[in-house]
Amino acid sequence: MRGVQALPFIGRRVEEKLFAAIRWESIITLYGHTFNLRASFVRHSTLEHSCS
């Protein structure tokens, strides 16, 4: 009987972990995109300086 009562609790914990993982993944990808943009921008500006 105790196991049946624990099932919803376990399910809720799994959902929380899943949502947290999704949130962290989206935050990391967002930071990655901004970092890539900044890196390409810096690369572009340094190329322009070396050309001129």
C-alpha atoms as a PDB file:
ATOM      1  CA  MET A   1       0.000   0.000   0.000  1.00  0.00           C
ATOM      2  CA  ARG A   2       2.870   2.358   0.806  1.00  0.00           C
ATOM      3  CA  GLY A   3       4.393   1.819  -2.669  1.00  0.00           C
ATOM      4  CA  VAL A   4       1.132   2.833  -4.362  1.00  0.00           C
ATOM      5  CA  GLN A   5       1.059   6.053  -2.324  1.00  0.00           C
ATOM      6  CA  ALA A   6       4.681   6.799  -3.252  1.00  0.00           C
ATOM      7  CA  LEU A   7       4.040   6.531  -7.015  1.00  0.00           C
ATOM      8  CA  PRO A   8       2.521  10.014  -7.494  1.00  0.00           C
ATOM      9  CA  PHE A   9       5.292  11.535  -5.384  1.00  0.00           C
ATOM     10  CA  ILE A  10       7.977   9.840  -7.519  1.00  0.00           C
ATOM     11  CA  GLY A  11       6.193  10.970 -10.679  1.00  0.00           C
ATOM     12  CA  ARG A  12       6.097  14.550  -9.416  1.00  0.00           C
ATOM     13  CA  ARG A  13       9.829  14.451  -8.598  1.00  0.00           C
ATOM     14  CA  VAL A  14      10.616  13.137 -12.088  1.00  0.00           C
ATOM     15  CA  GLU A  15       8.514  15.907 -13.641  1.00  0.00           C
ATOM     16  CA  GLU A  16      10.335  18.541 -11.585  1.00  0.00           C
ATOM     17  CA  LYS A  17      13.730  17.172 -12.637  1.00  0.00           C
ATOM     18  CA  LEU A  18      12.592  17.039 -16.269  1.00  0.00           C
ATOM     19  CA  PHE A  19      11.367  20.646 -16.234  1.00  0.00           C
ATOM     20  CA  ALA A  20      14.571  21.790 -14.517  1.00  0.00           C
ATOM     21  CA  ALA A  21      16.682  19.966 -17.132  1.00  0.00           C
ATOM     22  CA  ILE A  22      14.681  21.512 -19.985  1.00  0.00           C
ATOM     23  CA  ARG A  23      15.002  24.971 -18.421  1.00  0.00           C
ATOM     24  CA  TRP A  24      18.781  24.594 -17.956  1.00  0.00           C
ATOM     25  CA  GLU A  25      19.166  23.261 -21.496  1.00  0.00           C
ATOM     26  CA  SER A  26      17.320  26.247 -22.950  1.00  0.00           C
ATOM     27  CA  ILE A  27      19.374  28.668 -20.826  1.00  0.00           C
ATOM     28  CA  ILE A  28      22.626  27.015 -21.936  1.00  0.00           C
ATOM     29  CA  THR A  29      21.624  27.071 -25.613  1.00  0.00           C
ATOM     30  CA  LEU A  30      20.608  30.721 -25.260  1.00  0.00           C
ATOM     31  CA  TYR A  31      23.995  31.596 -23.752  1.00  0.00           C
ATOM     32  CA  GLY A  32      25.684  29.534 -26.461  1.00  0.00           C
ATOM     33  CA  HIS A  33      23.900  31.459 -29.220  1.00  0.00           C
ATOM     34  CA  THR A  34      24.794  34.856 -27.733  1.00  0.00           C
ATOM     35  CA  PHE A  35      28.393  33.709 -27.221  1.00  0.00           C
ATOM     36  CA  ASN A  36      28.626  32.478 -30.836  1.00  0.00           C
ATOM     37  CA  LEU A  37      27.179  35.778 -32.076  1.00  0.00           C
ATOM     38  CA  ARG A  38      29.666  37.769 -30.000  1.00  0.00           C
ATOM     39  CA  ALA A  39      32.571  35.570 -31.143  1.00  0.00           C
ATOM     40  CA  SER A  40      31.622  35.918 -34.823  1.00  0.00           C
ATOM     41  CA  PHE A  41      31.188  39.673 -34.370  1.00  0.00           C
ATOM     42  CA  VAL A  42      34.631  39.978 -32.776  1.00  0.00           C
ATOM     43  CA  ARG A  43      36.147  37.813 -35.511  1.00  0.00           C
ATOM     44  CA  HIS A  44      34.475  39.944 -38.167  1.00  0.00           C
ATOM     45  CA  SER A  45      35.699  43.229 -36.644  1.00  0.00           C
ATOM     46  CA  THR A  46      39.272  41.910 -36.276  1.00  0.00           C
ATOM     47  CA  LEU A  47      39.219  40.760 -39.930  1.00  0.00           C
ATOM     48  CA  GLU A  48      38.099  44.230 -41.002  1.00  0.00           C
ATOM     49  CA  HIS A  49      40.909  45.825 -38.974  1.00  0.00           C
ATOM     50  CA  SER A  50      43.550  43.528 -40.446  1.00  0.00           C
ATOM     51  CA  CYS A  51      42.306  44.200 -44.000  1.00  0.00           C
ATOM     52  CA  SER A  52      42.393  47.999 -43.650  1.00  0.00           C
END
